[in-house]
């Protein structure tokens, strides 16, 4: 059986742990420097996953913004941006949303078997619809992605997807960027919901890095034994790239 993809979960929150405000317009948490950091993380992954609620609420494009990073991926024989992946229980997806229309990278929609036919009719040829039984389990989803050749997966939200991946112990690395303000509204979406997580007061997550990014702070946690090897390989790739650029 193919190893599961290396999973990085990336999120920005307010100081009190919210992902957004309760009512429109959408709340901007990150600053320009942090957006650029996330763009680099996207460029290093094979696929980006968001939940269907995020597709509906935020209408994200999920593309690598930097021309240089897109070009680097293409030189390496990859699509200019990572594959787009979403998961839905209801099938309520707009085929005209940016998830489907922006970019020419492959798109995957994971869903229960009961909704598959309806979703295929709705999205047409814009995406591959993958049915995963009565209920969609994230363990089955990442196993299917591995079978499709995905080796590095970036999970970008929202809170329900965060909760499912973390509670299932599928995340190798967590990036949590904290914005310097409060939301203070219990109606607003939170970073995670209620669940039994592997990391408790008796099993604390390992803090691997803390970095100031303008007026924000990035907390980087190692959540699996795979982190150290992957981190070393990332540093090697970046050092090799820098050396090559210096010699060109």
C-alpha atoms as a PDB file:
ATOM      1  CA  UNK A   1       0.000   0.000   0.000  1.00  0.00           C
ATOM      2  CA  UNK A   2       1.275   3.472  -0.893  1.00  0.00           C
ATOM      3  CA  UNK A   3       2.254   5.699   2.040  1.00  0.00           C
ATOM      4  CA  UNK A   4      -0.176   8.496   2.804  1.00  0.00           C
ATOM      5  CA  UNK A   5       0.748  11.986   1.616  1.00  0.00           C
ATOM      6  CA  UNK A   6       2.717  14.196   3.983  1.00  0.00           C
ATOM      7  CA  UNK A   7      -0.022  16.471   5.345  1.00  0.00           C
ATOM      8  CA  UNK A   8       0.552  20.103   6.302  1.00  0.00           C
ATOM      9  CA  UNK A   9      -2.408  21.893   7.872  1.00  0.00           C
ATOM     10  CA  UNK A  10      -2.172  25.665   7.429  1.00  0.00           C
ATOM     11  CA  UNK A  11      -4.446  28.225   9.029  1.00  0.00           C
ATOM     12  CA  UNK A  12      -4.599  31.835  10.196  1.00  0.00           C
ATOM     13  CA  UNK A  13      -6.617  32.772  13.257  1.00  0.00           C
ATOM     14  CA  UNK A  14      -7.362  35.738  15.486  1.00  0.00           C
ATOM     15  CA  UNK A  15      -5.893  35.881  18.990  1.00  0.00           C
ATOM     16  CA  UNK A  16      -9.072  34.221  20.289  1.00  0.00           C
ATOM     17  CA  UNK A  17      -8.975  31.403  17.745  1.00  0.00           C
ATOM     18  CA  UNK A  18     -11.443  32.509  15.067  1.00  0.00           C
ATOM     19  CA  UNK A  19     -11.070  31.978  11.316  1.00  0.00           C
ATOM     20  CA  UNK A  20     -13.441  34.729  10.202  1.00  0.00           C
ATOM     21  CA  UNK A  21     -16.159  37.065  11.396  1.00  0.00           C
ATOM     22  CA  UNK A  22     -19.736  35.797  11.677  1.00  0.00           C
ATOM     23  CA  UNK A  23     -21.170  38.047   8.968  1.00  0.00           C
ATOM     24  CA  UNK A  24     -19.847  39.302   5.599  1.00  0.00           C
ATOM     25  CA  UNK A  25     -17.574  40.751   4.427  1.00  0.00           C
ATOM     26  CA  UNK A  26     -14.820  38.180   4.819  1.00  0.00           C
ATOM     27  CA  UNK A  27     -12.283  38.983   7.543  1.00  0.00           C
ATOM     28  CA  UNK A  28      -8.667  39.371   6.388  1.00  0.00           C
ATOM     29  CA  UNK A  29      -6.366  37.815   8.980  1.00  0.00           C
ATOM     30  CA  UNK A  30      -3.017  37.612   7.157  1.00  0.00           C
ATOM     31  CA  UNK A  31      -0.743  40.442   6.073  1.00  0.00           C
ATOM     32  CA  UNK A  32       1.032  40.639   2.695  1.00  0.00           C
ATOM     33  CA  UNK A  33       4.168  38.931   4.002  1.00  0.00           C
ATOM     34  CA  UNK A  34       2.180  36.014   5.381  1.00  0.00           C
ATOM     35  CA  UNK A  35       0.210  35.669   2.134  1.00  0.00           C
ATOM     36  CA  UNK A  36       3.543  35.341   0.335  1.00  0.00           C
ATOM     37  CA  UNK A  37       4.704  32.703   2.833  1.00  0.00           C
ATOM     38  CA  UNK A  38       1.546  30.680   2.205  1.00  0.00           C
ATOM     39  CA  UNK A  39       2.113  31.023  -1.537  1.00  0.00           C
ATOM     40  CA  UNK A  40       5.546  29.398  -1.120  1.00  0.00           C
ATOM     41  CA  UNK A  41       4.018  26.589   0.963  1.00  0.00           C
ATOM     42  CA  UNK A  42       1.390  26.016  -1.730  1.00  0.00           C
ATOM     43  CA  UNK A  43       4.090  25.862  -4.388  1.00  0.00           C
ATOM     44  CA  UNK A  44       5.835  23.028  -2.522  1.00  0.00           C
ATOM     45  CA  UNK A  45       2.724  20.815  -2.326  1.00  0.00           C
ATOM     46  CA  UNK A  46       1.043  18.486  -4.818  1.00  0.00           C
ATOM     47  CA  UNK A  47      -2.550  19.242  -3.791  1.00  0.00           C
ATOM     48  CA  UNK A  48      -4.541  21.750  -1.719  1.00  0.00           C
ATOM     49  CA  UNK A  49      -7.677  20.669   0.139  1.00  0.00           C
ATOM     50  CA  UNK A  50     -10.502  22.829   1.463  1.00  0.00           C
ATOM     51  CA  UNK A  51     -13.989  21.906   2.596  1.00  0.00           C
ATOM     52  CA  UNK A  52     -17.058  22.631   0.501  1.00  0.00           C
ATOM     53  CA  UNK A  53     -18.211  25.231   3.027  1.00  0.00           C
ATOM     54  CA  UNK A  54     -14.984  27.159   2.409  1.00  0.00           C
ATOM     55  CA  UNK A  55     -15.582  26.921  -1.353  1.00  0.00           C
ATOM     56  CA  UNK A  56     -19.061  28.375  -0.858  1.00  0.00           C
ATOM     57  CA  UNK A  57     -18.168  31.003   1.744  1.00  0.00           C
ATOM     58  CA  UNK A  58     -14.777  32.285   0.535  1.00  0.00           C
ATOM     59  CA  UNK A  59     -14.761  31.335  -3.176  1.00  0.00           C
ATOM     60  CA  UNK A  60     -10.971  30.699  -3.090  1.00  0.00           C
ATOM     61  CA  UNK A  61      -8.921  30.360  -6.287  1.00  0.00           C
ATOM     62  CA  UNK A  62      -6.325  28.096  -4.606  1.00  0.00           C
ATOM     63  CA  UNK A  63      -3.635  28.971  -7.143  1.00  0.00           C
ATOM     64  CA  UNK A  64       0.063  29.756  -6.735  1.00  0.00           C
ATOM     65  CA  UNK A  65       0.282  33.512  -7.242  1.00  0.00           C
ATOM     66  CA  UNK A  66       3.983  33.994  -7.930  1.00  0.00           C
ATOM     67  CA  UNK A  67       5.014  33.683 -11.570  1.00  0.00           C
ATOM     68  CA  UNK A  68       8.480  32.467 -10.513  1.00  0.00           C
ATOM     69  CA  UNK A  69       7.009  29.734  -8.313  1.00  0.00           C
ATOM     70  CA  UNK A  70       4.611  28.603 -11.046  1.00  0.00           C
ATOM     71  CA  UNK A  71       7.507  28.484 -13.499  1.00  0.00           C
ATOM     72  CA  UNK A  72       9.614  26.504 -11.042  1.00  0.00           C
ATOM     73  CA  UNK A  73       6.874  23.907 -10.735  1.00  0.00           C
ATOM     74  CA  UNK A  74       6.521  23.621 -14.508  1.00  0.00           C
ATOM     75  CA  UNK A  75      10.277  23.165 -14.973  1.00  0.00           C
ATOM     76  CA  UNK A  76      10.021  20.303 -12.473  1.00  0.00           C
ATOM     77  CA  UNK A  77       7.309  18.685 -14.613  1.00  0.00           C
ATOM     78  CA  UNK A  78       4.426  19.653 -12.316  1.00  0.00           C
ATOM     79  CA  UNK A  79       1.233  21.587 -12.945  1.00  0.00           C
ATOM     80  CA  UNK A  80       1.680  25.339 -12.402  1.00  0.00           C
ATOM     81  CA  UNK A  81      -0.469  25.116  -9.263  1.00  0.00           C
ATOM     82  CA  UNK A  82      -1.263  22.120  -7.056  1.00  0.00           C
ATOM     83  CA  UNK A  83      -4.318  19.971  -7.651  1.00  0.00           C
ATOM     84  CA  UNK A  84      -7.479  21.299  -6.001  1.00  0.00           C
ATOM     85  CA  UNK A  85      -9.404  19.003  -3.674  1.00  0.00           C
ATOM     86  CA  UNK A  86     -12.671  19.499  -1.817  1.00  0.00           C
ATOM     87  CA  UNK A  87     -14.940  17.274   0.233  1.00  0.00           C
ATOM     88  CA  UNK A  88     -18.689  17.587   0.605  1.00  0.00           C
ATOM     89  CA  UNK A  89     -21.489  15.728   2.331  1.00  0.00           C
ATOM     90  CA  UNK A  90     -24.358  17.723   0.824  1.00  0.00           C
ATOM     91  CA  UNK A  91     -23.063  18.245  -2.704  1.00  0.00           C
ATOM     92  CA  UNK A  92     -23.955  21.930  -2.586  1.00  0.00           C
ATOM     93  CA  UNK A  93     -21.257  23.229  -4.922  1.00  0.00           C
ATOM     94  CA  UNK A  94     -21.459  25.965  -7.544  1.00  0.00           C
ATOM     95  CA  UNK A  95     -19.731  24.841 -10.777  1.00  0.00           C
ATOM     96  CA  UNK A  96     -19.083  28.527 -11.552  1.00  0.00           C
ATOM     97  CA  UNK A  97     -17.062  29.076  -8.376  1.00  0.00           C
ATOM     98  CA  UNK A  98     -13.356  29.862  -8.647  1.00  0.00           C
ATOM     99  CA  UNK A  99     -12.488  26.409  -7.307  1.00  0.00           C
ATOM    100  CA  UNK A 100     -13.701  24.956 -10.623  1.00  0.00           C
ATOM    101  CA  UNK A 101     -13.092  27.792 -13.085  1.00  0.00           C
ATOM    102  CA  UNK A 102      -9.716  29.271 -12.044  1.00  0.00           C
ATOM    103  CA  UNK A 103      -6.624  27.554 -13.409  1.00  0.00           C
ATOM    104  CA  UNK A 104      -6.163  24.391 -15.435  1.00  0.00           C
ATOM    105  CA  UNK A 105      -4.980  22.145 -12.606  1.00  0.00           C
ATOM    106  CA  UNK A 106      -6.958  18.917 -11.908  1.00  0.00           C
ATOM    107  CA  UNK A 107      -9.858  19.193  -9.446  1.00  0.00           C
ATOM    108  CA  UNK A 108     -11.231  16.409  -7.225  1.00  0.00           C
ATOM    109  CA  UNK A 109     -14.520  16.339  -5.308  1.00  0.00           C
ATOM    110  CA  UNK A 110     -14.887  13.670  -2.599  1.00  0.00           C
ATOM    111  CA  UNK A 111     -18.392  12.785  -1.506  1.00  0.00           C
ATOM    112  CA  UNK A 112     -20.666  10.025  -0.157  1.00  0.00           C
ATOM    113  CA  UNK A 113     -21.865   7.447  -2.686  1.00  0.00           C
ATOM    114  CA  UNK A 114     -25.450   8.674  -2.260  1.00  0.00           C
ATOM    115  CA  UNK A 115     -24.559  12.135  -3.642  1.00  0.00           C
ATOM    116  CA  UNK A 116     -22.096  11.173  -6.376  1.00  0.00           C
ATOM    117  CA  UNK A 117     -24.471  11.029  -9.364  1.00  0.00           C
ATOM    118  CA  UNK A 118     -26.081  14.379  -8.501  1.00  0.00           C
ATOM    119  CA  UNK A 119     -22.697  16.071  -8.010  1.00  0.00           C
ATOM    120  CA  UNK A 120     -21.417  14.704 -11.340  1.00  0.00           C
ATOM    121  CA  UNK A 121     -24.426  16.221 -13.070  1.00  0.00           C
ATOM    122  CA  UNK A 122     -23.840  19.511 -11.269  1.00  0.00           C
ATOM    123  CA  UNK A 123     -20.092  19.950 -11.910  1.00  0.00           C
ATOM    124  CA  UNK A 124     -19.959  18.234 -15.299  1.00  0.00           C
ATOM    125  CA  UNK A 125     -16.440  17.870 -16.679  1.00  0.00           C
ATOM    126  CA  UNK A 126     -14.911  20.530 -14.433  1.00  0.00           C
ATOM    127  CA  UNK A 127     -13.830  17.991 -11.783  1.00  0.00           C
ATOM    128  CA  UNK A 128     -13.441  14.296 -11.033  1.00  0.00           C
ATOM    129  CA  UNK A 129     -16.038  13.172  -8.481  1.00  0.00           C
ATOM    130  CA  UNK A 130     -14.835  10.427  -6.143  1.00  0.00           C
ATOM    131  CA  UNK A 131     -17.338   8.528  -3.999  1.00  0.00           C
ATOM    132  CA  UNK A 132     -16.075   7.095  -0.722  1.00  0.00           C
ATOM    133  CA  UNK A 133     -18.929   5.031   0.674  1.00  0.00           C
ATOM    134  CA  UNK A 134     -21.764   5.980   2.990  1.00  0.00           C
ATOM    135  CA  UNK A 135     -19.723   8.617   4.811  1.00  0.00           C
ATOM    136  CA  UNK A 136     -16.489  10.296   3.772  1.00  0.00           C
ATOM    137  CA  UNK A 137     -13.650   9.425   6.141  1.00  0.00           C
ATOM    138  CA  UNK A 138     -10.496  11.511   5.871  1.00  0.00           C
ATOM    139  CA  UNK A 139      -8.388   8.357   6.201  1.00  0.00           C
ATOM    140  CA  UNK A 140      -9.990   6.993   3.022  1.00  0.00           C
ATOM    141  CA  UNK A 141      -9.594  10.345   1.279  1.00  0.00           C
ATOM    142  CA  UNK A 142      -5.845  10.623   1.902  1.00  0.00           C
ATOM    143  CA  UNK A 143      -5.357   6.978   0.916  1.00  0.00           C
ATOM    144  CA  UNK A 144      -7.092   7.660  -2.405  1.00  0.00           C
ATOM    145  CA  UNK A 145      -4.916  10.729  -2.973  1.00  0.00           C
ATOM    146  CA  UNK A 146      -1.832   8.595  -2.335  1.00  0.00           C
ATOM    147  CA  UNK A 147      -3.018   6.113  -4.969  1.00  0.00           C
ATOM    148  CA  UNK A 148      -3.311   9.048  -7.401  1.00  0.00           C
ATOM    149  CA  UNK A 149       0.320  10.013  -6.833  1.00  0.00           C
ATOM    150  CA  UNK A 150      -0.140  12.859  -4.336  1.00  0.00           C
ATOM    151  CA  UNK A 151       2.860  12.902  -1.999  1.00  0.00           C
ATOM    152  CA  UNK A 152       2.378  16.248  -0.254  1.00  0.00           C
ATOM    153  CA  UNK A 153      -1.042  17.602   0.734  1.00  0.00           C
ATOM    154  CA  UNK A 154      -1.799  21.082   2.070  1.00  0.00           C
ATOM    155  CA  UNK A 155      -5.023  21.378   4.080  1.00  0.00           C
ATOM    156  CA  UNK A 156      -6.338  24.954   4.259  1.00  0.00           C
ATOM    157  CA  UNK A 157      -9.687  24.672   6.031  1.00  0.00           C
ATOM    158  CA  UNK A 158     -12.167  25.368   7.213  1.00  0.00           C
ATOM    159  CA  UNK A 159     -12.792  24.457  10.825  1.00  0.00           C
ATOM    160  CA  UNK A 160     -14.714  21.240  10.153  1.00  0.00           C
ATOM    161  CA  UNK A 161     -11.964  19.906   7.887  1.00  0.00           C
ATOM    162  CA  UNK A 162      -9.289  20.978  10.406  1.00  0.00           C
ATOM    163  CA  UNK A 163     -11.137  19.079  13.117  1.00  0.00           C
ATOM    164  CA  UNK A 164     -11.533  15.928  11.032  1.00  0.00           C
ATOM    165  CA  UNK A 165      -7.883  15.789   9.962  1.00  0.00           C
ATOM    166  CA  UNK A 166      -6.477  16.557  13.402  1.00  0.00           C
ATOM    167  CA  UNK A 167      -8.817  14.221  15.275  1.00  0.00           C
ATOM    168  CA  UNK A 168      -7.946  11.391  12.860  1.00  0.00           C
ATOM    169  CA  UNK A 169      -4.210  12.003  13.538  1.00  0.00           C
ATOM    170  CA  UNK A 170      -3.530  12.568   9.828  1.00  0.00           C
ATOM    171  CA  UNK A 171      -1.553  15.823  10.115  1.00  0.00           C
ATOM    172  CA  UNK A 172       2.244  15.732  10.068  1.00  0.00           C
ATOM    173  CA  UNK A 173       2.849  19.474  10.374  1.00  0.00           C
ATOM    174  CA  UNK A 174       0.725  22.388  11.597  1.00  0.00           C
ATOM    175  CA  UNK A 175       1.228  26.016  10.560  1.00  0.00           C
ATOM    176  CA  UNK A 176      -0.778  28.408  12.729  1.00  0.00           C
ATOM    177  CA  UNK A 177      -0.442  32.104  11.894  1.00  0.00           C
ATOM    178  CA  UNK A 178      -1.922  34.341  14.589  1.00  0.00           C
ATOM    179  CA  UNK A 179      -3.220  37.822  13.789  1.00  0.00           C
ATOM    180  CA  UNK A 180      -2.929  40.521  16.497  1.00  0.00           C
ATOM    181  CA  UNK A 181      -6.606  41.162  17.176  1.00  0.00           C
ATOM    182  CA  UNK A 182      -9.744  39.576  18.628  1.00  0.00           C
ATOM    183  CA  UNK A 183     -13.038  38.661  16.956  1.00  0.00           C
ATOM    184  CA  UNK A 184     -15.035  38.123  20.140  1.00  0.00           C
ATOM    185  CA  UNK A 185     -18.161  36.656  18.532  1.00  0.00           C
ATOM    186  CA  UNK A 186     -19.178  33.088  19.371  1.00  0.00           C
ATOM    187  CA  UNK A 187     -21.179  32.918  16.132  1.00  0.00           C
ATOM    188  CA  UNK A 188     -17.985  33.162  14.100  1.00  0.00           C
ATOM    189  CA  UNK A 189     -16.196  30.038  12.758  1.00  0.00           C
ATOM    190  CA  UNK A 190     -13.410  28.713  14.968  1.00  0.00           C
ATOM    191  CA  UNK A 191     -10.115  27.024  14.091  1.00  0.00           C
ATOM    192  CA  UNK A 192     -11.458  23.641  15.275  1.00  0.00           C
ATOM    193  CA  UNK A 193     -14.661  22.254  16.747  1.00  0.00           C
ATOM    194  CA  UNK A 194     -15.265  19.764  19.537  1.00  0.00           C
ATOM    195  CA  UNK A 195     -13.418  16.460  19.139  1.00  0.00           C
ATOM    196  CA  UNK A 196     -11.052  14.046  20.853  1.00  0.00           C
ATOM    197  CA  UNK A 197      -7.619  15.106  19.639  1.00  0.00           C
ATOM    198  CA  UNK A 198      -4.403  13.079  19.980  1.00  0.00           C
ATOM    199  CA  UNK A 199      -2.642  16.042  21.647  1.00  0.00           C
ATOM    200  CA  UNK A 200      -3.719  16.692  25.222  1.00  0.00           C
ATOM    201  CA  UNK A 201      -2.205  18.085  28.410  1.00  0.00           C
ATOM    202  CA  UNK A 202      -0.570  14.664  28.839  1.00  0.00           C
ATOM    203  CA  UNK A 203       0.683  14.492  25.226  1.00  0.00           C
ATOM    204  CA  UNK A 204       1.739  17.941  24.177  1.00  0.00           C
ATOM    205  CA  UNK A 205       2.427  18.844  20.549  1.00  0.00           C
ATOM    206  CA  UNK A 206       6.039  19.644  19.657  1.00  0.00           C
ATOM    207  CA  UNK A 207       6.724  23.287  18.834  1.00  0.00           C
ATOM    208  CA  UNK A 208       9.254  23.235  15.980  1.00  0.00           C
ATOM    209  CA  UNK A 209       9.522  26.927  15.077  1.00  0.00           C
ATOM    210  CA  UNK A 210       8.278  30.400  16.013  1.00  0.00           C
ATOM    211  CA  UNK A 211       8.633  33.221  13.532  1.00  0.00           C
ATOM    212  CA  UNK A 212       7.521  36.854  13.515  1.00  0.00           C
ATOM    213  CA  UNK A 213       5.905  37.840  10.212  1.00  0.00           C
ATOM    214  CA  UNK A 214       5.266  41.562  10.329  1.00  0.00           C
ATOM    215  CA  UNK A 215       2.659  42.067  13.048  1.00  0.00           C
ATOM    216  CA  UNK A 216       1.780  38.340  13.050  1.00  0.00           C
ATOM    217  CA  UNK A 217       3.433  35.278  14.553  1.00  0.00           C
ATOM    218  CA  UNK A 218       3.769  31.860  12.905  1.00  0.00           C
ATOM    219  CA  UNK A 219       3.704  28.800  15.153  1.00  0.00           C
ATOM    220  CA  UNK A 220       4.948  25.653  13.462  1.00  0.00           C
ATOM    221  CA  UNK A 221       4.251  22.320  15.170  1.00  0.00           C
ATOM    222  CA  UNK A 222       5.618  18.857  14.437  1.00  0.00           C
ATOM    223  CA  UNK A 223       2.709  16.434  14.813  1.00  0.00           C
ATOM    224  CA  UNK A 224       4.258  13.195  13.539  1.00  0.00           C
ATOM    225  CA  UNK A 225       7.518  11.283  13.407  1.00  0.00           C
ATOM    226  CA  UNK A 226       7.749  12.126   9.686  1.00  0.00           C
ATOM    227  CA  UNK A 227       8.289  15.833  10.389  1.00  0.00           C
ATOM    228  CA  UNK A 228      12.041  15.763  11.069  1.00  0.00           C
ATOM    229  CA  UNK A 229      12.934  13.893   7.875  1.00  0.00           C
ATOM    230  CA  UNK A 230      10.604  16.016   5.761  1.00  0.00           C
ATOM    231  CA  UNK A 231      11.937  19.237   7.297  1.00  0.00           C
ATOM    232  CA  UNK A 232      15.525  18.197   6.572  1.00  0.00           C
ATOM    233  CA  UNK A 233      14.628  17.372   2.967  1.00  0.00           C
ATOM    234  CA  UNK A 234      12.909  20.761   2.588  1.00  0.00           C
ATOM    235  CA  UNK A 235      15.985  22.589   3.878  1.00  0.00           C
ATOM    236  CA  UNK A 236      18.174  20.606   1.458  1.00  0.00           C
ATOM    237  CA  UNK A 237      15.942  21.444  -1.518  1.00  0.00           C
ATOM    238  CA  UNK A 238      15.890  25.146  -0.621  1.00  0.00           C
ATOM    239  CA  UNK A 239      19.665  25.228  -0.132  1.00  0.00           C
ATOM    240  CA  UNK A 240      20.234  23.462  -3.463  1.00  0.00           C
ATOM    241  CA  UNK A 241      17.881  25.886  -5.216  1.00  0.00           C
ATOM    242  CA  UNK A 242      19.695  28.887  -3.689  1.00  0.00           C
ATOM    243  CA  UNK A 243      23.069  27.512  -4.758  1.00  0.00           C
ATOM    244  CA  UNK A 244      21.846  26.921  -8.305  1.00  0.00           C
ATOM    245  CA  UNK A 245      20.465  30.469  -8.500  1.00  0.00           C
ATOM    246  CA  UNK A 246      23.769  31.841  -7.249  1.00  0.00           C
ATOM    247  CA  UNK A 247      25.692  30.005  -9.979  1.00  0.00           C
ATOM    248  CA  UNK A 248      23.349  31.018 -12.796  1.00  0.00           C
END
